[in-house]
């Protein structure tokens, strides 16, 4: 579904008629996998049930705030911003409770859906949560830096700088790993 059709579906949802339910179903079918994967960036792969709860809350929020959507905006960025806000709210709420360390969020356990044995997963695991989010939004989801800045609510310059630093860091890790392999040293990278 292209962005224009997705915008139309979101506008249809704001109408509240019978067609709104069908439009909401279409949005869900189109976006659930992308949003779920995006939520896993925040919850960690071991928290699939939490991610599913946040996914459900995201779509409830989409239904409730569809009337606020501006059709000149990127609909996917708008949906992911809602998902991010829900995930961050959950993580903050969990951090206020006593939790056994690592039970709810462990960045070392981070998994990327596109990891295909090329080492992308381990390269991303070395980045901070926010840097990982910026790289994944740009490289995997194809968002522009200005769209990412809106999604994660950071200045454009910060997003651009952190993306460049993250890519440089990942290149450095690849270079170090290549040097270790050439010297016969096994690496975890």
N, C-alpha and C. Protein backbone atom coordinates (compact mmCIF):
# COMPACT_ATOMS: atom_id res chain seq x y z
N UNK A 1 0.86 -1.18 0.00
CA UNK A 1 0.00 0.00 0.00
C UNK A 1 0.90 1.23 0.00
N UNK A 2 0.69 2.13 -0.94
CA UNK A 2 1.53 3.33 -0.98
C UNK A 2 1.04 4.35 0.04
N UNK A 3 1.86 5.38 0.25
CA UNK A 3 1.57 6.38 1.29
C UNK A 3 0.28 7.14 1.04
N UNK A 4 -0.05 7.39 -0.21
CA UNK A 4 -1.28 8.13 -0.52
C UNK A 4 -2.51 7.34 -0.09
N UNK A 5 -2.50 6.05 -0.38
CA UNK A 5 -3.62 5.20 0.02
C UNK A 5 -3.68 5.09 1.54
N UNK A 6 -2.51 4.95 2.17
CA UNK A 6 -2.45 4.87 3.63
C UNK A 6 -3.00 6.14 4.27
N UNK A 7 -2.66 7.30 3.70
CA UNK A 7 -3.22 8.58 4.19
C UNK A 7 -4.74 8.57 4.10
N UNK A 8 -5.25 8.10 2.97
CA UNK A 8 -6.70 8.02 2.77
C UNK A 8 -7.36 7.10 3.79
N UNK A 9 -6.71 5.99 4.09
CA UNK A 9 -7.26 5.04 5.08
C UNK A 9 -7.30 5.69 6.47
N UNK A 10 -6.24 6.42 6.82
CA UNK A 10 -6.21 7.09 8.13
C UNK A 10 -7.33 8.12 8.21
N UNK A 11 -7.52 8.88 7.14
CA UNK A 11 -8.60 9.86 7.10
C UNK A 11 -9.98 9.18 7.21
N UNK A 12 -10.11 8.03 6.58
CA UNK A 12 -11.35 7.26 6.64
C UNK A 12 -11.65 6.83 8.08
N UNK A 13 -10.60 6.44 8.81
CA UNK A 13 -10.76 6.03 10.20
C UNK A 13 -11.32 7.16 11.04
N UNK A 14 -10.88 8.38 10.75
CA UNK A 14 -11.34 9.52 11.54
C UNK A 14 -12.82 9.81 11.34
N UNK A 15 -13.42 9.25 10.28
CA UNK A 15 -14.84 9.46 10.00
C UNK A 15 -15.76 8.74 10.96
N UNK A 16 -15.33 7.60 11.50
CA UNK A 16 -16.11 6.87 12.48
C UNK A 16 -17.25 6.05 11.92
N UNK A 17 -17.38 5.90 10.63
CA UNK A 17 -18.47 5.13 10.03
C UNK A 17 -18.08 3.65 9.92
N UNK A 18 -18.92 2.88 9.28
CA UNK A 18 -18.63 1.46 9.05
C UNK A 18 -17.36 1.30 8.21
N UNK A 19 -17.16 2.23 7.27
CA UNK A 19 -15.95 2.15 6.45
C UNK A 19 -14.70 2.42 7.28
N UNK A 20 -14.85 3.09 8.42
CA UNK A 20 -13.71 3.34 9.31
C UNK A 20 -13.16 2.04 9.87
N UNK A 21 -14.04 1.10 10.19
CA UNK A 21 -13.59 -0.19 10.72
C UNK A 21 -12.79 -0.95 9.67
N UNK A 22 -13.28 -0.91 8.43
CA UNK A 22 -12.59 -1.60 7.35
C UNK A 22 -11.23 -0.92 7.06
N UNK A 23 -11.23 0.40 7.09
CA UNK A 23 -9.99 1.13 6.87
C UNK A 23 -8.98 0.82 7.99
N UNK A 24 -9.45 0.74 9.22
CA UNK A 24 -8.57 0.42 10.34
C UNK A 24 -7.99 -0.99 10.18
N UNK A 25 -8.82 -1.91 9.74
CA UNK A 25 -8.35 -3.27 9.48
C UNK A 25 -7.27 -3.27 8.41
N UNK A 26 -7.48 -2.49 7.35
CA UNK A 26 -6.50 -2.41 6.26
C UNK A 26 -5.18 -1.83 6.75
N UNK A 27 -5.26 -0.79 7.58
CA UNK A 27 -4.04 -0.19 8.15
C UNK A 27 -3.31 -1.22 9.01
N UNK A 28 -4.07 -1.93 9.82
CA UNK A 28 -3.48 -2.94 10.69
C UNK A 28 -2.77 -4.02 9.89
N UNK A 29 -3.45 -4.55 8.89
CA UNK A 29 -2.86 -5.60 8.06
C UNK A 29 -1.59 -5.11 7.38
N UNK A 30 -1.61 -3.88 6.90
CA UNK A 30 -0.46 -3.31 6.19
C UNK A 30 0.72 -3.04 7.11
N UNK A 31 0.46 -2.55 8.31
CA UNK A 31 1.53 -2.00 9.15
C UNK A 31 1.91 -2.83 10.37
N UNK A 32 1.15 -3.83 10.73
CA UNK A 32 1.38 -4.53 12.00
C UNK A 32 2.77 -5.13 12.10
N UNK A 33 3.28 -5.73 11.06
CA UNK A 33 4.61 -6.35 11.12
C UNK A 33 5.71 -5.31 11.29
N UNK A 34 5.63 -4.23 10.55
CA UNK A 34 6.64 -3.17 10.66
C UNK A 34 6.61 -2.52 12.04
N UNK A 35 5.42 -2.25 12.53
CA UNK A 35 5.30 -1.61 13.83
C UNK A 35 5.74 -2.56 14.94
N UNK A 36 5.38 -3.82 14.84
CA UNK A 36 5.79 -4.81 15.84
C UNK A 36 7.32 -4.91 15.90
N UNK A 37 7.94 -5.00 14.75
CA UNK A 37 9.40 -5.07 14.69
C UNK A 37 10.02 -3.81 15.28
N UNK A 38 9.44 -2.67 14.98
CA UNK A 38 9.93 -1.41 15.51
C UNK A 38 9.80 -1.38 17.03
N UNK A 39 8.70 -1.88 17.56
CA UNK A 39 8.50 -1.92 19.01
C UNK A 39 9.53 -2.83 19.67
N UNK A 40 9.89 -3.92 18.99
CA UNK A 40 10.90 -4.83 19.54
C UNK A 40 12.25 -4.13 19.72
N UNK A 41 12.50 -3.06 18.96
CA UNK A 41 13.72 -2.28 19.17
C UNK A 41 13.77 -1.76 20.61
N UNK A 42 12.63 -1.45 21.16
CA UNK A 42 12.56 -0.87 22.49
C UNK A 42 12.41 -1.90 23.59
N UNK A 43 11.71 -2.98 23.31
CA UNK A 43 11.43 -3.95 24.37
C UNK A 43 12.45 -5.08 24.42
N UNK A 44 13.14 -5.32 23.34
CA UNK A 44 14.05 -6.46 23.27
C UNK A 44 13.30 -7.69 22.81
N UNK A 45 14.00 -8.61 22.17
CA UNK A 45 13.34 -9.76 21.54
C UNK A 45 12.71 -10.71 22.54
N UNK A 46 13.19 -10.72 23.77
CA UNK A 46 12.63 -11.64 24.76
C UNK A 46 11.29 -11.16 25.31
N UNK A 47 10.87 -9.97 24.97
CA UNK A 47 9.62 -9.41 25.48
C UNK A 47 8.55 -9.34 24.40
N UNK A 48 8.31 -10.46 23.76
CA UNK A 48 7.35 -10.49 22.66
C UNK A 48 5.93 -10.19 23.13
N UNK A 49 5.57 -10.66 24.33
CA UNK A 49 4.22 -10.40 24.83
C UNK A 49 4.03 -8.92 25.13
N UNK A 50 5.05 -8.29 25.69
CA UNK A 50 4.99 -6.85 25.95
C UNK A 50 4.87 -6.10 24.62
N UNK A 51 5.65 -6.52 23.63
CA UNK A 51 5.60 -5.87 22.32
C UNK A 51 4.21 -6.03 21.70
N UNK A 52 3.59 -7.18 21.87
CA UNK A 52 2.24 -7.38 21.35
C UNK A 52 1.23 -6.47 22.05
N UNK A 53 1.40 -6.31 23.37
CA UNK A 53 0.52 -5.39 24.11
C UNK A 53 0.68 -3.96 23.60
N UNK A 54 1.92 -3.55 23.40
CA UNK A 54 2.19 -2.19 22.92
C UNK A 54 1.64 -2.03 21.50
N UNK A 55 1.76 -3.06 20.69
CA UNK A 55 1.21 -3.02 19.33
C UNK A 55 -0.29 -2.77 19.38
N UNK A 56 -0.97 -3.50 20.25
CA UNK A 56 -2.42 -3.33 20.38
C UNK A 56 -2.75 -1.91 20.85
N UNK A 57 -2.03 -1.42 21.84
CA UNK A 57 -2.26 -0.06 22.33
C UNK A 57 -1.97 0.98 21.26
N UNK A 58 -0.98 0.71 20.43
CA UNK A 58 -0.65 1.62 19.33
C UNK A 58 -1.83 1.77 18.39
N UNK A 59 -2.45 0.67 18.02
CA UNK A 59 -3.57 0.75 17.08
C UNK A 59 -4.82 1.34 17.73
N UNK A 60 -4.98 1.15 19.02
CA UNK A 60 -6.07 1.82 19.72
C UNK A 60 -5.83 3.34 19.68
N UNK A 61 -4.57 3.74 19.91
CA UNK A 61 -4.23 5.16 19.85
C UNK A 61 -4.39 5.73 18.44
N UNK A 62 -4.03 4.94 17.44
CA UNK A 62 -4.20 5.37 16.05
C UNK A 62 -5.68 5.62 15.79
N UNK A 63 -6.52 4.72 16.23
CA UNK A 63 -7.96 4.89 16.03
C UNK A 63 -8.46 6.17 16.71
N UNK A 64 -7.97 6.40 17.92
CA UNK A 64 -8.40 7.58 18.67
C UNK A 64 -7.86 8.90 18.17
N UNK A 65 -6.70 8.87 17.55
CA UNK A 65 -6.09 10.13 17.13
C UNK A 65 -6.04 10.32 15.62
N UNK A 66 -6.74 9.49 14.87
CA UNK A 66 -6.75 9.59 13.41
C UNK A 66 -7.23 10.97 12.95
N UNK A 67 -8.13 11.56 13.71
CA UNK A 67 -8.67 12.88 13.33
C UNK A 67 -7.59 13.97 13.40
N UNK A 68 -6.50 13.73 14.13
CA UNK A 68 -5.41 14.69 14.25
C UNK A 68 -4.35 14.54 13.16
N UNK A 69 -4.47 13.49 12.36
CA UNK A 69 -3.48 13.24 11.30
C UNK A 69 -3.61 14.29 10.21
N UNK A 70 -2.47 14.83 9.81
CA UNK A 70 -2.42 15.81 8.71
C UNK A 70 -1.94 15.06 7.47
N UNK A 71 -2.74 15.11 6.40
CA UNK A 71 -2.46 14.30 5.22
C UNK A 71 -1.20 14.71 4.47
N UNK A 72 -0.60 15.84 4.82
CA UNK A 72 0.67 16.21 4.18
C UNK A 72 1.86 15.58 4.90
N UNK A 73 1.62 14.81 5.95
CA UNK A 73 2.68 14.13 6.70
C UNK A 73 2.88 12.72 6.16
N UNK A 74 4.04 12.16 6.46
CA UNK A 74 4.34 10.78 6.09
C UNK A 74 3.53 9.87 7.03
N UNK A 75 2.58 9.07 6.50
CA UNK A 75 1.73 8.28 7.38
C UNK A 75 2.49 7.19 8.15
N UNK A 76 3.51 6.63 7.54
CA UNK A 76 4.30 5.59 8.22
C UNK A 76 5.09 6.20 9.39
N UNK A 77 5.62 7.38 9.18
CA UNK A 77 6.35 8.06 10.25
C UNK A 77 5.39 8.41 11.39
N UNK A 78 4.18 8.83 11.05
CA UNK A 78 3.18 9.16 12.06
C UNK A 78 2.82 7.92 12.89
N UNK A 79 2.61 6.79 12.21
CA UNK A 79 2.27 5.55 12.90
C UNK A 79 3.42 5.08 13.79
N UNK A 80 4.65 5.15 13.28
CA UNK A 80 5.80 4.73 14.07
C UNK A 80 6.06 5.67 15.25
N UNK A 81 5.74 6.95 15.10
CA UNK A 81 5.89 7.88 16.22
C UNK A 81 4.92 7.51 17.34
N UNK A 82 3.71 7.13 16.99
CA UNK A 82 2.75 6.68 18.01
C UNK A 82 3.27 5.42 18.69
N UNK A 83 3.77 4.47 17.90
CA UNK A 83 4.31 3.23 18.46
C UNK A 83 5.49 3.50 19.38
N UNK A 84 6.37 4.39 18.96
CA UNK A 84 7.54 4.73 19.79
C UNK A 84 7.09 5.34 21.11
N UNK A 85 6.16 6.27 21.05
CA UNK A 85 5.68 6.91 22.28
C UNK A 85 5.06 5.90 23.23
N UNK A 86 4.30 4.95 22.70
CA UNK A 86 3.71 3.90 23.53
C UNK A 86 4.80 3.02 24.14
N UNK A 87 5.79 2.64 23.33
CA UNK A 87 6.87 1.79 23.84
C UNK A 87 7.68 2.51 24.92
N UNK A 88 8.02 3.75 24.67
CA UNK A 88 8.80 4.52 25.66
C UNK A 88 8.00 4.67 26.95
N UNK A 89 6.70 4.93 26.85
CA UNK A 89 5.86 5.04 28.04
C UNK A 89 5.87 3.75 28.84
N UNK A 90 5.77 2.62 28.15
CA UNK A 90 5.80 1.33 28.84
C UNK A 90 7.14 1.09 29.51
N UNK A 91 8.22 1.37 28.81
CA UNK A 91 9.56 1.15 29.37
C UNK A 91 9.75 2.03 30.60
N UNK A 92 9.32 3.29 30.53
CA UNK A 92 9.43 4.18 31.68
C UNK A 92 8.62 3.65 32.86
N UNK A 93 7.41 3.19 32.59
CA UNK A 93 6.57 2.65 33.65
C UNK A 93 7.21 1.42 34.28
N UNK A 94 7.80 0.57 33.47
CA UNK A 94 8.47 -0.62 33.98
C UNK A 94 9.71 -0.26 34.80
N UNK A 95 10.40 0.80 34.39
CA UNK A 95 11.62 1.18 35.10
C UNK A 95 11.32 1.75 36.48
N UNK A 96 10.07 2.16 36.71
CA UNK A 96 9.69 2.68 38.03
C UNK A 96 9.37 1.56 39.01
N UNK A 97 9.25 0.33 38.50
CA UNK A 97 8.98 -0.80 39.37
C UNK A 97 10.26 -1.57 39.63
N UNK A 98 10.24 -2.42 40.64
CA UNK A 98 11.41 -3.24 40.93
C UNK A 98 11.40 -4.40 39.95
N UNK A 99 12.47 -4.53 39.19
CA UNK A 99 12.55 -5.55 38.14
C UNK A 99 13.86 -6.31 38.32
N UNK A 100 13.80 -7.61 38.15
CA UNK A 100 15.02 -8.39 38.13
C UNK A 100 15.81 -7.95 36.91
N UNK A 101 17.10 -7.66 37.09
CA UNK A 101 17.90 -7.10 36.00
C UNK A 101 17.83 -7.97 34.75
N UNK A 102 17.55 -7.32 33.64
CA UNK A 102 17.53 -8.00 32.35
C UNK A 102 16.22 -8.68 32.01
N UNK A 103 15.28 -8.71 32.95
CA UNK A 103 14.04 -9.43 32.68
C UNK A 103 13.20 -8.76 31.60
N UNK A 104 13.14 -7.42 31.61
CA UNK A 104 12.30 -6.73 30.66
C UNK A 104 13.06 -6.13 29.50
N UNK A 105 14.27 -5.69 29.70
CA UNK A 105 15.00 -5.08 28.59
C UNK A 105 16.49 -5.35 28.76
N UNK A 106 17.06 -5.95 27.78
CA UNK A 106 18.48 -6.24 27.79
C UNK A 106 19.02 -5.96 26.40
N UNK A 107 19.73 -4.85 26.25
CA UNK A 107 20.17 -4.45 24.91
C UNK A 107 21.14 -5.46 24.30
N UNK A 108 21.80 -6.28 25.14
CA UNK A 108 22.69 -7.30 24.59
C UNK A 108 21.92 -8.41 23.89
N UNK A 109 20.65 -8.53 24.19
CA UNK A 109 19.82 -9.56 23.59
C UNK A 109 19.08 -9.05 22.35
N UNK A 110 19.42 -7.86 21.91
CA UNK A 110 18.73 -7.22 20.80
C UNK A 110 18.83 -8.07 19.54
N UNK A 111 17.73 -8.16 18.83
CA UNK A 111 17.70 -8.91 17.58
C UNK A 111 17.14 -8.04 16.48
N UNK A 112 17.72 -8.12 15.31
CA UNK A 112 17.25 -7.34 14.18
C UNK A 112 16.59 -8.29 13.19
N UNK A 113 15.40 -7.96 12.70
CA UNK A 113 14.68 -8.89 11.84
C UNK A 113 15.37 -9.21 10.53
N UNK A 114 16.29 -8.35 10.09
CA UNK A 114 16.96 -8.59 8.82
C UNK A 114 18.28 -9.32 9.00
N UNK A 115 18.62 -9.65 10.24
CA UNK A 115 19.90 -10.32 10.49
C UNK A 115 19.93 -11.64 9.73
N UNK A 116 20.89 -11.78 8.85
CA UNK A 116 20.94 -12.96 8.00
C UNK A 116 22.29 -13.65 8.09
N UNK A 117 22.93 -13.48 9.23
CA UNK A 117 24.22 -14.11 9.39
C UNK A 117 25.36 -13.24 8.91
N UNK A 118 25.12 -12.02 8.48
CA UNK A 118 26.17 -11.15 7.99
C UNK A 118 26.84 -10.37 9.11
N UNK A 119 26.36 -10.52 10.33
CA UNK A 119 26.95 -9.79 11.44
C UNK A 119 26.26 -8.47 11.73
N UNK A 120 25.20 -8.16 11.00
CA UNK A 120 24.50 -6.89 11.22
C UNK A 120 23.96 -6.81 12.64
N UNK A 121 23.46 -7.92 13.14
CA UNK A 121 22.90 -7.95 14.49
C UNK A 121 23.95 -7.57 15.53
N UNK A 122 25.13 -8.16 15.43
CA UNK A 122 26.16 -7.87 16.42
C UNK A 122 26.72 -6.46 16.25
N UNK A 123 26.75 -5.96 15.02
CA UNK A 123 27.21 -4.58 14.81
C UNK A 123 26.24 -3.59 15.45
N UNK A 124 24.96 -3.82 15.27
CA UNK A 124 23.96 -2.94 15.86
C UNK A 124 23.93 -3.06 17.38
N UNK A 125 24.22 -4.23 17.90
CA UNK A 125 24.18 -4.44 19.35
C UNK A 125 25.21 -3.58 20.07
N UNK A 126 26.26 -3.15 19.38
CA UNK A 126 27.28 -2.31 19.99
C UNK A 126 26.87 -0.85 20.08
N UNK A 127 25.78 -0.50 19.42
CA UNK A 127 25.30 0.89 19.44
C UNK A 127 24.36 1.10 20.62
N UNK A 128 24.20 2.35 21.02
CA UNK A 128 23.21 2.67 22.05
C UNK A 128 21.83 2.44 21.48
N UNK A 129 20.84 2.38 22.35
CA UNK A 129 19.46 2.14 21.90
C UNK A 129 19.01 3.21 20.90
N UNK A 130 19.30 4.47 21.21
CA UNK A 130 18.86 5.55 20.32
C UNK A 130 19.61 5.51 18.98
N UNK A 131 20.90 5.23 19.01
CA UNK A 131 21.67 5.15 17.77
C UNK A 131 21.18 3.98 16.90
N UNK A 132 20.87 2.85 17.53
CA UNK A 132 20.32 1.70 16.81
C UNK A 132 19.01 2.09 16.14
N UNK A 133 18.18 2.80 16.89
CA UNK A 133 16.89 3.21 16.36
C UNK A 133 17.06 4.11 15.13
N UNK A 134 17.98 5.05 15.19
CA UNK A 134 18.23 5.95 14.07
C UNK A 134 18.71 5.17 12.84
N UNK A 135 19.65 4.27 13.04
CA UNK A 135 20.20 3.49 11.92
C UNK A 135 19.11 2.61 11.30
N UNK A 136 18.34 1.92 12.12
CA UNK A 136 17.30 1.04 11.61
C UNK A 136 16.21 1.83 10.88
N UNK A 137 15.81 2.96 11.44
CA UNK A 137 14.79 3.77 10.78
C UNK A 137 15.26 4.27 9.42
N UNK A 138 16.54 4.60 9.32
CA UNK A 138 17.07 5.12 8.06
C UNK A 138 17.36 3.99 7.07
N UNK A 139 18.08 2.98 7.50
CA UNK A 139 18.54 1.94 6.58
C UNK A 139 17.43 0.94 6.25
N UNK A 140 16.68 0.49 7.23
CA UNK A 140 15.68 -0.55 7.00
C UNK A 140 14.35 0.04 6.54
N UNK A 141 13.88 1.07 7.25
CA UNK A 141 12.57 1.63 6.93
C UNK A 141 12.64 2.74 5.88
N UNK A 142 13.82 3.25 5.59
CA UNK A 142 13.99 4.22 4.53
C UNK A 142 13.55 5.64 4.87
N UNK A 143 13.43 5.97 6.14
CA UNK A 143 13.03 7.32 6.52
C UNK A 143 14.18 8.29 6.34
N UNK A 144 13.84 9.51 5.99
CA UNK A 144 14.84 10.57 5.87
C UNK A 144 15.17 11.06 7.28
N UNK A 145 16.33 11.69 7.41
CA UNK A 145 16.77 12.15 8.72
C UNK A 145 15.76 13.10 9.36
N UNK A 146 15.15 13.96 8.57
CA UNK A 146 14.18 14.91 9.15
C UNK A 146 12.95 14.17 9.67
N UNK A 147 12.55 13.09 9.00
CA UNK A 147 11.42 12.29 9.47
C UNK A 147 11.79 11.55 10.76
N UNK A 148 13.00 11.04 10.81
CA UNK A 148 13.48 10.36 12.01
C UNK A 148 13.51 11.33 13.18
N UNK A 149 13.95 12.55 12.92
CA UNK A 149 14.01 13.57 13.98
C UNK A 149 12.62 13.79 14.58
N UNK A 150 11.60 13.79 13.75
CA UNK A 150 10.23 13.95 14.25
C UNK A 150 9.77 12.73 15.03
N UNK A 151 10.11 11.55 14.52
CA UNK A 151 9.68 10.31 15.18
C UNK A 151 10.28 10.21 16.57
N UNK A 152 11.59 10.45 16.68
CA UNK A 152 12.25 10.26 17.97
C UNK A 152 12.33 11.56 18.78
N UNK A 153 11.78 12.63 18.23
CA UNK A 153 11.69 13.92 18.90
C UNK A 153 13.07 14.44 19.34
N UNK A 154 13.95 14.51 18.36
CA UNK A 154 15.30 15.06 18.55
C UNK A 154 15.59 16.04 17.42
N UNK A 155 16.50 16.98 17.63
CA UNK A 155 16.85 17.92 16.55
C UNK A 155 17.46 17.19 15.35
N UNK A 156 17.21 17.73 14.17
CA UNK A 156 17.72 17.15 12.93
C UNK A 156 19.24 17.00 12.97
N UNK A 157 19.94 18.01 13.44
CA UNK A 157 21.41 17.95 13.51
C UNK A 157 21.90 16.81 14.38
N UNK A 158 21.20 16.57 15.48
CA UNK A 158 21.56 15.46 16.37
C UNK A 158 21.37 14.12 15.68
N UNK A 159 20.26 13.97 14.98
CA UNK A 159 19.99 12.73 14.26
C UNK A 159 21.05 12.49 13.19
N UNK A 160 21.36 13.51 12.42
CA UNK A 160 22.36 13.39 11.36
C UNK A 160 23.73 13.02 11.93
N UNK A 161 24.12 13.71 12.99
CA UNK A 161 25.43 13.45 13.62
C UNK A 161 25.49 12.04 14.19
N UNK A 162 24.45 11.64 14.91
CA UNK A 162 24.45 10.32 15.53
C UNK A 162 24.42 9.21 14.48
N UNK A 163 23.73 9.44 13.37
CA UNK A 163 23.71 8.45 12.29
C UNK A 163 25.12 8.28 11.73
N UNK A 164 25.77 9.40 11.43
CA UNK A 164 27.13 9.33 10.88
C UNK A 164 28.09 8.65 11.86
N UNK A 165 28.00 9.02 13.14
CA UNK A 165 28.86 8.40 14.15
C UNK A 165 28.59 6.91 14.27
N UNK A 166 27.35 6.53 14.18
CA UNK A 166 26.99 5.11 14.27
C UNK A 166 27.54 4.32 13.10
N UNK A 167 27.38 4.86 11.91
CA UNK A 167 27.91 4.19 10.71
C UNK A 167 29.43 4.08 10.81
N UNK A 168 30.09 5.17 11.24
CA UNK A 168 31.54 5.14 11.41
C UNK A 168 31.96 4.08 12.43
N UNK A 169 31.21 3.99 13.53
CA UNK A 169 31.49 3.00 14.57
C UNK A 169 31.32 1.58 14.03
N UNK A 170 30.28 1.37 13.25
CA UNK A 170 30.05 0.05 12.67
C UNK A 170 31.15 -0.31 11.68
N UNK A 171 31.58 0.67 10.89
CA UNK A 171 32.69 0.43 9.95
C UNK A 171 33.97 0.07 10.71
N UNK A 172 34.21 0.78 11.80
CA UNK A 172 35.38 0.51 12.64
C UNK A 172 35.33 -0.92 13.18
N UNK A 173 34.16 -1.35 13.63
CA UNK A 173 34.01 -2.72 14.15
C UNK A 173 34.25 -3.74 13.05
N UNK A 174 33.79 -3.45 11.83
CA UNK A 174 34.01 -4.37 10.71
C UNK A 174 35.50 -4.46 10.41
N UNK A 175 36.17 -3.31 10.38
CA UNK A 175 37.61 -3.27 10.11
C UNK A 175 38.39 -4.03 11.17
N UNK A 176 38.04 -3.82 12.44
CA UNK A 176 38.72 -4.54 13.52
C UNK A 176 38.50 -6.04 13.41
N UNK A 177 37.28 -6.43 13.07
CA UNK A 177 36.96 -7.85 12.93
C UNK A 177 37.75 -8.45 11.76
N UNK A 178 37.82 -7.73 10.64
CA UNK A 178 38.58 -8.21 9.48
C UNK A 178 40.05 -8.40 9.84
N UNK A 179 40.60 -7.45 10.60
CA UNK A 179 42.01 -7.55 11.01
C UNK A 179 42.23 -8.74 11.92
N UNK A 180 41.30 -9.00 12.83
CA UNK A 180 41.42 -10.15 13.73
C UNK A 180 41.37 -11.46 12.94
N UNK A 181 40.48 -11.52 11.96
CA UNK A 181 40.34 -12.74 11.15
C UNK A 181 41.63 -12.96 10.34
N UNK A 182 42.18 -11.91 9.76
CA UNK A 182 43.40 -12.03 8.98
C UNK A 182 44.58 -12.49 9.85
N UNK A 183 44.56 -12.12 11.12
CA UNK A 183 45.62 -12.51 12.06
C UNK A 183 45.32 -13.86 12.70
N UNK A 184 44.18 -14.45 12.38
CA UNK A 184 43.83 -15.75 12.93
C UNK A 184 43.18 -15.68 14.30
N UNK A 185 42.73 -14.51 14.71
CA UNK A 185 42.09 -14.35 16.02
C UNK A 185 40.59 -14.40 15.82
N UNK A 186 39.92 -15.26 16.55
CA UNK A 186 38.46 -15.34 16.45
C UNK A 186 37.85 -14.21 17.26
N UNK A 187 36.73 -13.72 16.76
CA UNK A 187 36.08 -12.57 17.38
C UNK A 187 34.61 -12.82 17.58
N UNK A 188 34.03 -12.13 18.54
CA UNK A 188 32.59 -12.20 18.80
C UNK A 188 31.83 -11.20 17.94
N UNK A 189 32.51 -10.27 17.24
CA UNK A 189 31.84 -9.20 16.50
C UNK A 189 31.10 -9.72 15.32
